[in-house]
Protein backbone atom coordinates (compact mmCIF):
# COMPACT_ATOMS: atom_id res chain seq x y z
CA MET A 1 -32.65 86.50 -36.45
CA LEU A 2 -34.40 88.95 -38.79
CA LEU A 3 -35.98 87.92 -42.08
CA PHE A 4 -37.54 90.16 -44.70
CA GLY A 5 -40.56 89.07 -46.66
CA CYS A 6 -43.30 90.67 -48.69
CA CYS A 7 -45.04 91.81 -45.51
CA GLY A 8 -42.03 93.39 -43.82
CA PRO A 9 -39.53 92.14 -41.27
CA TRP A 10 -40.16 89.11 -39.10
CA ARG A 11 -38.07 88.72 -35.95
CA LEU A 12 -37.67 85.21 -34.62
CA ARG A 13 -37.54 85.21 -30.83
CA GLY A 14 -36.40 82.40 -28.58
CA ARG A 15 -34.90 79.03 -29.46
CA MET A 16 -36.10 77.04 -32.44
CA SER A 17 -36.61 74.14 -30.01
CA ASP A 18 -39.43 76.20 -28.46
CA VAL A 19 -41.40 76.20 -31.71
CA PRO A 20 -44.35 73.76 -31.71
CA LEU A 21 -43.59 70.52 -33.53
CA LEU A 22 -44.76 70.23 -37.12
CA THR A 23 -47.71 67.95 -37.78
CA THR A 24 -47.39 64.89 -40.01
CA MET A 25 -49.10 66.82 -42.80
CA ASP A 26 -46.72 69.79 -42.40
CA GLN A 27 -43.77 67.42 -42.57
CA PHE A 28 -45.10 65.83 -45.76
CA ILE A 29 -45.09 69.27 -47.42
CA CYS A 30 -41.53 69.88 -46.13
CA ASP A 31 -40.34 66.54 -47.50
CA PHE A 32 -41.99 67.26 -50.82
CA LEU A 33 -40.31 70.66 -51.24
CA VAL A 34 -36.96 69.24 -50.17
CA GLY A 35 -37.30 66.80 -53.04
CA LYS A 36 -36.93 63.64 -51.01
CA ASN A 37 -37.50 60.24 -52.63
CA PHE A 38 -40.74 60.70 -54.61
CA GLN A 39 -41.39 56.97 -54.65
CA GLN A 40 -41.43 56.98 -50.85
CA LEU A 41 -43.66 60.08 -50.86
CA ALA A 42 -46.01 58.21 -53.21
CA ILE A 43 -46.21 55.34 -50.73
CA ASN A 44 -46.92 57.77 -47.86
CA PHE A 45 -49.41 59.95 -49.75
CA ILE A 46 -52.64 57.94 -49.45
CA PRO A 47 -52.14 56.96 -45.76
CA HIS A 48 -51.38 60.62 -44.94
CA TYR A 49 -54.43 61.85 -46.86
CA THR A 50 -56.69 59.21 -45.31
CA THR A 51 -55.61 60.37 -41.84
CA LEU A 52 -56.29 63.99 -42.78
CA VAL A 53 -59.87 63.29 -43.94
CA ASN A 54 -60.87 60.48 -41.58
CA LYS A 55 -63.76 62.54 -40.12
CA THR A 56 -65.22 63.83 -43.39
CA GLY A 57 -64.32 61.44 -46.18
CA GLY A 58 -62.42 64.06 -48.17
CA ILE A 59 -63.05 65.77 -51.52
CA ILE A 60 -60.69 63.75 -53.74
CA ALA A 61 -62.19 60.66 -55.40
CA SER A 62 -60.37 57.36 -54.90
CA GLU A 63 -59.50 57.15 -58.60
CA ASN A 64 -57.85 60.58 -58.40
CA LEU A 65 -55.91 59.54 -55.31
CA ASP A 66 -54.56 56.61 -57.33
CA ARG A 67 -53.68 58.96 -60.20
CA ILE A 68 -51.79 61.30 -57.83
CA GLN A 69 -49.93 58.38 -56.31
CA ALA A 70 -48.96 57.04 -59.75
CA ALA A 71 -47.77 60.49 -60.87
CA LEU A 72 -45.68 60.86 -57.70
CA LYS A 73 -44.00 57.50 -58.29
CA GLU A 74 -42.85 58.69 -61.70
CA ALA A 75 -42.07 62.23 -60.44
CA LYS A 76 -44.59 63.70 -62.89
CA LEU A 77 -45.16 66.72 -60.69
CA LYS A 78 -47.11 68.79 -63.24
CA ASP A 79 -49.62 65.91 -63.36
CA VAL A 80 -49.83 65.93 -59.55
CA ALA A 81 -50.63 69.66 -59.55
CA ASP A 82 -53.17 69.29 -62.39
CA ILE A 83 -55.08 66.44 -60.70
CA ILE A 84 -55.28 68.34 -57.40
CA GLU A 85 -56.45 71.50 -59.20
CA GLU A 86 -59.05 69.48 -61.11
CA SER A 87 -60.39 68.04 -57.84
CA LEU A 88 -60.46 71.41 -56.07
CA VAL A 89 -62.29 73.12 -58.95
CA ALA A 90 -64.85 70.31 -59.11
CA ALA A 91 -65.47 70.60 -55.35
CA GLU A 92 -65.76 74.40 -55.35
CA ASN A 93 -68.15 74.53 -58.30
CA ALA A 94 -70.36 71.55 -57.49
CA PRO A 95 -74.08 72.36 -57.28
CA LEU A 96 -76.17 70.60 -54.64
CA ASP A 97 -79.89 69.90 -55.05
CA VAL A 98 -81.72 68.51 -52.02
CA ALA A 99 -85.28 67.18 -52.29
CA VAL A 100 -87.46 67.35 -49.18
CA ILE A 101 -90.59 65.21 -49.46
CA GLY A 102 -93.47 64.55 -47.12
CA GLU A 103 -97.19 64.77 -46.66
CA SER A 104 -98.97 67.98 -45.80
CA GLY A 105 -98.26 69.32 -42.31
CA THR A 106 -95.15 67.25 -41.63
CA GLY A 107 -92.80 70.24 -41.40
CA LYS A 108 -91.09 70.13 -44.82
CA SER A 109 -91.02 73.89 -45.23
CA SER A 110 -89.90 74.53 -41.65
CA PHE A 111 -87.09 72.00 -42.10
CA ILE A 112 -85.91 73.78 -45.27
CA ASN A 113 -86.03 77.17 -43.55
CA ALA A 114 -83.97 75.83 -40.65
CA LEU A 115 -81.29 74.48 -43.01
CA ARG A 116 -81.15 77.85 -44.77
CA GLY A 117 -80.80 79.70 -41.46
CA LEU A 118 -84.09 81.56 -41.89
CA SER A 119 -87.11 81.93 -39.64
CA CYS A 120 -90.53 81.16 -41.09
CA GLU A 121 -91.35 84.89 -41.19
CA GLU A 122 -88.22 86.12 -42.98
CA GLU A 123 -88.28 87.25 -46.58
CA GLY A 124 -87.52 84.38 -48.94
CA SER A 125 -88.47 81.64 -46.47
CA ALA A 126 -90.50 78.62 -47.55
CA SER A 127 -94.23 79.03 -46.99
CA VAL A 128 -95.44 77.28 -43.84
CA GLY A 129 -99.03 76.27 -42.99
CA VAL A 130 -101.19 73.53 -41.53
CA VAL A 131 -102.90 72.96 -44.89
CA GLU A 132 -101.18 72.02 -48.14
CA THR A 133 -99.20 75.10 -49.14
CA THR A 134 -96.75 73.41 -51.52
CA MET A 135 -98.74 72.84 -54.74
CA LYS A 136 -95.72 72.29 -56.97
CA LYS A 137 -92.01 71.74 -56.54
CA THR A 138 -90.49 74.97 -55.31
CA PRO A 139 -86.75 75.77 -55.28
CA TYR A 140 -85.19 77.69 -52.38
CA GLN A 141 -81.58 78.79 -52.79
CA HIS A 142 -79.37 79.01 -49.75
CA PRO A 143 -78.99 82.74 -48.97
CA LYS A 144 -75.20 82.49 -48.63
CA TYR A 145 -74.38 79.62 -51.02
CA PRO A 146 -76.33 80.03 -54.29
CA LYS A 147 -75.11 76.69 -55.67
CA VAL A 148 -77.17 74.95 -52.97
CA THR A 149 -80.89 74.55 -53.68
CA PHE A 150 -83.48 72.94 -51.43
CA TRP A 151 -86.60 71.70 -53.22
CA ASP A 152 -89.88 71.78 -51.31
CA LEU A 153 -91.81 69.00 -53.04
CA PRO A 154 -95.58 68.50 -52.86
CA GLY A 155 -96.96 66.05 -50.36
CA THR A 156 -98.10 62.67 -51.66
CA GLY A 157 -101.02 62.00 -49.35
CA THR A 158 -103.28 64.93 -50.10
CA PRO A 159 -106.23 64.88 -52.56
CA ASN A 160 -104.22 67.20 -54.83
CA PHE A 161 -101.67 64.55 -55.81
CA TYR A 162 -101.60 60.93 -56.90
CA PRO A 163 -98.57 58.65 -56.49
CA HIS A 164 -98.55 57.37 -60.11
CA GLU A 165 -98.17 60.96 -61.41
CA TYR A 166 -95.84 62.11 -58.66
CA LEU A 167 -92.50 60.69 -59.87
CA GLU A 168 -92.75 62.18 -63.35
CA MET A 169 -93.99 65.53 -62.03
CA VAL A 170 -91.09 66.18 -59.60
CA GLU A 171 -88.36 64.88 -61.97
CA PHE A 172 -86.73 62.54 -59.48
CA ALA A 173 -83.44 62.09 -61.32
CA THR A 174 -82.42 65.74 -60.88
CA TYR A 175 -81.72 65.62 -57.10
CA ASP A 176 -78.57 64.61 -55.23
CA PHE A 177 -80.40 63.03 -52.31
CA PHE A 178 -83.86 62.87 -50.76
CA ILE A 179 -85.15 63.57 -47.29
CA ILE A 180 -88.51 61.92 -46.62
CA ILE A 181 -90.25 63.63 -43.73
CA SER A 182 -93.03 62.56 -41.40
CA SER A 183 -94.26 63.97 -38.11
CA SER A 184 -95.91 60.70 -37.06
CA ARG A 185 -96.11 57.43 -38.98
CA PHE A 186 -94.50 56.95 -42.38
CA SER A 187 -97.01 55.97 -45.06
CA LEU A 188 -97.16 53.40 -47.82
CA ASN A 189 -96.55 56.27 -50.27
CA ASP A 190 -93.31 57.05 -48.39
CA ALA A 191 -92.23 53.43 -48.84
CA LEU A 192 -93.06 53.53 -52.57
CA LEU A 193 -91.05 56.72 -52.93
CA ALA A 194 -88.07 55.18 -51.14
CA GLN A 195 -88.22 52.14 -53.42
CA ASN A 196 -88.19 54.28 -56.56
CA ILE A 197 -85.37 56.47 -55.24
CA LYS A 198 -83.31 53.34 -54.57
CA GLU A 199 -84.01 52.02 -58.08
CA ILE A 200 -82.52 55.16 -59.68
CA GLY A 201 -79.39 54.79 -57.54
CA LYS A 202 -79.90 57.77 -55.23
CA LYS A 203 -79.74 58.01 -51.43
CA PHE A 204 -82.76 58.69 -49.21
CA TYR A 205 -83.10 59.41 -45.50
CA PHE A 206 -86.16 59.23 -43.28
CA VAL A 207 -86.53 62.21 -40.95
CA ARG A 208 -89.07 62.12 -38.13
CA THR A 209 -89.90 65.74 -37.25
CA LYS A 210 -91.65 67.46 -34.32
CA VAL A 211 -89.94 65.19 -31.77
CA ASP A 212 -89.87 68.14 -29.35
CA ASN A 213 -93.70 68.24 -29.46
CA ASP A 214 -93.88 64.52 -28.63
CA LEU A 215 -91.58 64.95 -25.65
CA TYR A 216 -93.55 67.95 -24.38
CA ASN A 217 -96.88 66.12 -24.66
CA GLU A 218 -95.52 62.98 -23.03
CA GLU A 219 -94.04 64.91 -20.10
CA LYS A 220 -97.30 66.83 -19.58
CA SER A 221 -99.43 63.68 -19.64
CA LYS A 222 -97.05 61.49 -17.58
CA PRO A 223 -94.95 63.81 -15.40
CA MET A 224 -94.11 61.16 -12.81
CA SER A 225 -92.89 58.44 -15.18
CA PHE A 226 -91.51 60.63 -17.99
CA LYS A 227 -87.99 59.75 -19.16
CA ARG A 228 -86.67 61.58 -22.21
CA GLU A 229 -84.38 58.85 -23.57
CA ARG A 230 -87.03 56.17 -23.15
CA VAL A 231 -89.58 58.23 -25.11
CA LEU A 232 -87.06 58.91 -27.89
CA GLN A 233 -86.26 55.20 -28.12
CA GLN A 234 -89.97 54.38 -28.35
CA ILE A 235 -90.39 56.86 -31.22
CA ARG A 236 -87.39 55.36 -33.00
CA ASP A 237 -88.60 51.78 -32.49
CA ASN A 238 -92.09 52.68 -33.72
CA CYS A 239 -90.66 54.25 -36.89
CA LEU A 240 -88.48 51.21 -37.56
CA ALA A 241 -91.40 48.82 -37.07
CA ASN A 242 -93.68 51.02 -39.17
CA LEU A 243 -91.25 51.17 -42.12
CA SER A 244 -90.37 47.49 -41.91
CA ASN A 245 -94.09 46.60 -42.04
CA ILE A 246 -94.59 48.63 -45.22
CA GLY A 247 -91.61 47.14 -47.03
CA VAL A 248 -88.52 49.22 -46.16
CA PRO A 249 -85.81 46.92 -44.75
CA GLU A 250 -83.22 48.44 -42.37
CA PRO A 251 -84.30 52.07 -42.81
CA CYS A 252 -82.02 54.91 -41.71
CA ILE A 253 -84.11 57.16 -39.42
CA PHE A 254 -83.22 60.51 -37.85
CA LEU A 255 -85.27 62.21 -35.13
CA VAL A 256 -85.18 66.01 -35.35
CA SER A 257 -86.81 69.22 -34.19
CA ASN A 258 -86.99 72.01 -36.76
CA PHE A 259 -86.62 74.56 -33.95
CA ASP A 260 -83.70 72.86 -32.14
CA LEU A 261 -81.47 71.44 -34.87
CA ASP A 262 -78.58 71.03 -32.44
CA ASP A 263 -80.62 68.50 -30.45
CA PHE A 264 -81.60 64.90 -31.19
CA ASP A 265 -80.23 63.29 -34.41
CA PHE A 266 -79.51 66.27 -36.65
CA PRO A 267 -75.71 66.24 -36.06
CA ARG A 268 -75.70 62.52 -36.96
CA LEU A 269 -77.68 63.30 -40.12
CA GLU A 270 -75.07 65.90 -41.10
CA GLU A 271 -72.23 63.43 -40.59
CA THR A 272 -74.03 60.68 -42.52
CA LEU A 273 -74.73 62.95 -45.49
CA LEU A 274 -71.10 64.10 -45.62
CA LYS A 275 -69.85 60.52 -45.71
CA GLU A 276 -72.38 59.33 -48.33
CA LEU A 277 -72.43 62.27 -50.76
CA PRO A 278 -70.31 62.05 -53.93
CA VAL A 279 -66.85 63.35 -53.08
CA HIS A 280 -67.07 66.49 -55.22
CA LYS A 281 -70.34 67.49 -53.45
CA ARG A 282 -69.03 67.19 -49.88
CA HIS A 283 -67.28 70.55 -49.78
CA THR A 284 -70.45 72.36 -50.87
CA PHE A 285 -72.52 70.62 -48.21
CA ALA A 286 -69.91 71.27 -45.51
CA LEU A 287 -70.03 75.02 -46.20
CA LEU A 288 -73.72 75.29 -45.37
CA LEU A 289 -73.51 73.39 -42.08
CA PRO A 290 -74.85 75.67 -39.33
CA ASN A 291 -72.72 76.05 -36.20
CA LEU A 292 -75.06 73.94 -34.09
CA SER A 293 -72.51 71.81 -32.27
CA ASP A 294 -68.79 71.27 -31.78
CA THR A 295 -69.08 68.35 -34.18
CA SER A 296 -70.45 70.42 -37.07
CA ILE A 297 -67.80 73.12 -36.51
CA GLU A 298 -65.03 70.50 -36.45
CA MET A 299 -66.32 68.94 -39.68
CA LYS A 300 -66.24 72.31 -41.41
CA ARG A 301 -62.75 73.03 -40.02
CA ALA A 302 -61.55 69.66 -41.36
CA PHE A 303 -62.72 70.47 -44.88
CA PHE A 304 -60.94 73.82 -44.92
CA LYS A 305 -57.73 72.32 -43.54
CA GLU A 306 -57.88 69.67 -46.26
CA LYS A 307 -58.21 72.38 -48.92
CA ILE A 308 -55.31 74.38 -47.43
CA TRP A 309 -53.11 71.29 -47.43
CA LEU A 310 -54.05 70.34 -51.00
CA ASP A 311 -53.34 73.89 -52.19
CA ALA A 312 -49.93 73.73 -50.50
CA LEU A 313 -49.19 70.33 -52.04
CA LYS A 314 -50.16 71.63 -55.49
CA SER A 315 -47.88 74.66 -55.04
CA SER A 316 -45.05 72.39 -53.88
CA ALA A 317 -45.38 70.31 -57.04
CA LEU A 318 -45.28 73.44 -59.19
CA SER A 319 -42.09 74.62 -57.46
CA PHE A 320 -40.11 71.96 -59.35
CA ILE A 321 -41.25 73.20 -62.77
CA PRO A 322 -38.88 75.77 -64.32
CA PHE A 323 -40.25 79.32 -64.63
CA MET A 324 -43.49 78.32 -62.89
CA ALA A 325 -44.63 80.67 -60.11
CA PHE A 326 -45.59 78.31 -57.33
CA PHE A 327 -47.28 80.82 -55.01
CA ASN A 328 -48.79 84.27 -55.20
CA GLY A 329 -48.12 87.11 -52.78
CA PHE A 330 -50.09 87.30 -49.57
CA ASP A 331 -49.90 90.89 -48.37
CA PHE A 332 -51.95 92.38 -45.54
CA PRO A 333 -55.06 93.21 -47.64
CA GLN A 334 -55.06 89.65 -49.02
CA GLN A 335 -54.60 88.22 -45.53
CA GLU A 336 -57.52 90.25 -44.19
CA LYS A 337 -59.70 89.16 -47.12
CA CYS A 338 -58.80 85.52 -46.41
CA LEU A 339 -59.64 85.89 -42.71
CA ASN A 340 -62.95 87.59 -43.56
CA LEU A 341 -63.85 84.71 -45.86
CA TYR A 342 -63.26 82.14 -43.10
CA GLN A 343 -65.25 84.32 -40.68
CA SER A 344 -68.16 84.38 -43.12
CA HIS A 345 -68.17 80.58 -43.46
CA PHE A 346 -68.27 80.18 -39.66
CA GLY A 347 -70.84 82.89 -38.96
CA LEU A 348 -68.31 85.37 -37.56
CA ASP A 349 -68.62 88.05 -40.24
CA GLU A 350 -69.51 91.57 -39.11
CA LYS A 351 -73.25 91.22 -39.82
CA SER A 352 -73.53 87.85 -38.05
CA VAL A 353 -71.59 89.03 -34.98
CA LYS A 354 -73.87 92.05 -34.66
CA GLY A 355 -76.90 89.73 -34.84
CA ILE A 356 -75.45 87.45 -32.16
CA ALA A 357 -74.66 90.45 -29.94
CA GLU A 358 -78.26 91.66 -30.17
CA LYS A 359 -79.58 88.16 -29.45
CA LEU A 360 -77.42 87.88 -26.34
CA ASP A 361 -77.94 91.49 -25.18
CA MET A 362 -74.22 92.12 -25.47
CA SER A 363 -72.08 94.64 -27.31
CA VAL A 364 -69.82 93.65 -30.19
CA GLU A 365 -66.87 94.76 -28.05
CA GLU A 366 -67.86 92.24 -25.37
CA ILE A 367 -67.85 89.47 -27.96
CA LYS A 368 -64.42 90.61 -29.16
CA SER A 369 -63.16 90.36 -25.56
CA PHE A 370 -63.46 86.56 -25.49
CA THR A 371 -62.62 85.83 -29.15
CA LYS A 372 -59.36 86.19 -31.09
CA SER A 373 -60.18 86.05 -34.79
CA LEU A 374 -62.04 89.39 -34.81
CA ASP A 375 -58.73 91.24 -34.27
CA PHE A 376 -56.84 90.91 -37.56
CA TRP A 377 -53.67 92.70 -36.46
CA LEU A 378 -53.29 90.58 -33.35
CA LEU A 379 -53.34 87.43 -35.48
CA VAL A 380 -50.81 88.54 -38.09
CA LYS A 381 -48.32 89.72 -35.45
CA ASP A 382 -48.05 86.18 -34.07
CA ASP A 383 -44.33 85.30 -34.14
CA SER A 384 -45.00 81.55 -34.03
CA ILE A 385 -46.06 81.67 -37.71
CA ALA A 386 -42.64 82.91 -38.80
CA GLU A 387 -40.92 80.48 -36.45
CA LYS A 388 -42.75 77.46 -37.87
CA ALA A 389 -41.99 78.67 -41.40
CA MET A 390 -38.34 79.04 -40.42
CA LYS A 391 -38.26 75.47 -39.09
CA CYS A 392 -39.40 74.20 -42.50
CA VAL A 393 -36.85 76.41 -44.28
CA GLU A 394 -34.07 74.92 -42.14
CA CYS A 395 -35.18 71.48 -43.31
CA TYR A 396 -35.00 72.70 -46.92
CA CYS A 397 -31.60 74.35 -46.47
CA SER A 398 -30.05 71.28 -44.86
CA VAL A 399 -30.49 69.57 -48.24
CA ASN A 400 -30.32 72.39 -50.78
CA GLY A 401 -28.20 75.01 -49.01
CA GLY A 402 -28.83 78.76 -48.88
CA LEU A 403 -31.91 80.51 -47.53
CA PRO A 404 -34.29 81.25 -50.38
CA SER A 405 -36.82 83.86 -49.32
CA THR A 406 -39.43 82.26 -51.61
CA ILE A 407 -39.44 79.08 -49.52
CA PHE A 408 -39.83 81.09 -46.32
CA GLN A 409 -42.72 83.06 -47.83
CA PHE A 410 -44.39 79.87 -49.04
CA PHE A 411 -44.41 78.33 -45.55
CA LYS A 412 -45.41 81.59 -43.91
CA ILE A 413 -48.48 81.75 -46.16
CA TYR A 414 -49.29 78.09 -45.49
CA PHE A 415 -49.12 78.49 -41.71
CA LEU A 416 -51.04 81.79 -41.78
CA HIS A 417 -53.94 80.03 -43.52
CA LEU A 418 -53.90 77.30 -40.86
CA LYS A 419 -53.68 79.91 -38.10
CA PHE A 420 -56.66 81.80 -39.51
CA ILE A 421 -58.92 78.77 -39.94
CA ASN A 422 -58.04 77.29 -36.54
CA THR A 423 -58.60 80.58 -34.71
CA VAL A 424 -61.92 81.23 -36.46
CA ALA A 425 -63.15 77.67 -35.78
CA ASP A 426 -62.09 77.90 -32.12
CA ASP A 427 -63.94 81.22 -31.80
CA ALA A 428 -67.05 79.70 -33.37
CA LYS A 429 -67.04 77.02 -30.68
CA ILE A 430 -66.47 79.56 -27.90
CA LEU A 431 -69.35 81.69 -29.18
CA LEU A 432 -71.61 78.64 -29.54
CA HIS A 433 -70.98 77.60 -25.92
CA LYS A 434 -71.46 81.18 -24.72
CA THR A 435 -74.76 81.43 -26.60
CA LEU A 436 -76.05 78.12 -25.26
CA GLU A 437 -75.02 79.09 -21.73
CA ILE A 438 -76.82 82.45 -21.84
CA LEU A 439 -79.96 81.07 -23.49
CA SER A 440 -80.05 78.23 -20.96
CA ARG A 441 -79.99 80.73 -18.07
CA ARG A 442 -82.95 82.58 -19.58
CA ARG A 443 -85.18 79.51 -19.67
């Protein structure tokens, strides 16, 4: 069978039974476009969405989910599209301000640099030193995501600052959440800060830095009895006891190393922040997650797949409105631009790949040999995209008759987006494992 779309002819090879089965989310879009019972779709909507975002919490607020469900029940499809668009715009434009607090020498600035993907010697990095180098609150924008700002706040335990002046000076109410850092014991000032943060209704997290130093020192001093997990548990227990003694009940503590963010508790910190941030801030935070583990890559993939699905659902709703264009063209230049955007978010853009190649003493061509997303033409020639789109069109035609090319193009675009994001995320994991393997052999 040969179909013609905006990008040229697509030939469907093999039996339709060979095409991979549609996911539950794909089927929901099919059912929507077919115009099946909207009351039943309204009932299914929230359970389907909850399944889609079970790892990340999602970017649509519960009140907006209820509004979408109510609009679906009454078949007010323009309202459905408007609410989704409102939620997507809020998520894409949300600023994120992160306060990092701690006494002098605890590693605040190094922590900020690590989150921004910068070394301490790179231009624009936060100033690092063993004496107090942060004399006032200093903003550091993320180099790739300018809406994200990390604030290096002055320490509270140095002679330069006094706790009673501190809260007013740093303007506490302006930050989305607070990370309170210590490289040893948390202080009474830390506890007072946590209490005030709680009173203004914001979240705070205790981060115990330089855990790698503690492990190194312990292993050097007690080589025969050293056990990594036991030492980590002792550090955690000491922090809990310390904070409980100074008035912080049930504190949430994360052990990290600023030079090995993929180790210890940093992945758990990422996951916790994603779940506890306001919904419209989660997308912004997910974008800046470094590819430190399979978990962080999967969380980022989940956010993009949610956005793709919501965009498709919005377009499906618009398809029922007379004279409303429910999707734009997606020619080869647009497809390549879309793929490049996903590559940038996952650290697979041209500049990043060159940097990784140099780090691993490999050529860019070698990296391309074990990845798939770096070859644009190979991806867009994948026949399975057209076949899955055709499967959805058959569902549509069984109810409405005919073979509208617009429906085929809509599904082709939808599945191309999914193909791009899945291939890029898979490649990010492959490259992460390859990097860890090579660096491990060098040690």
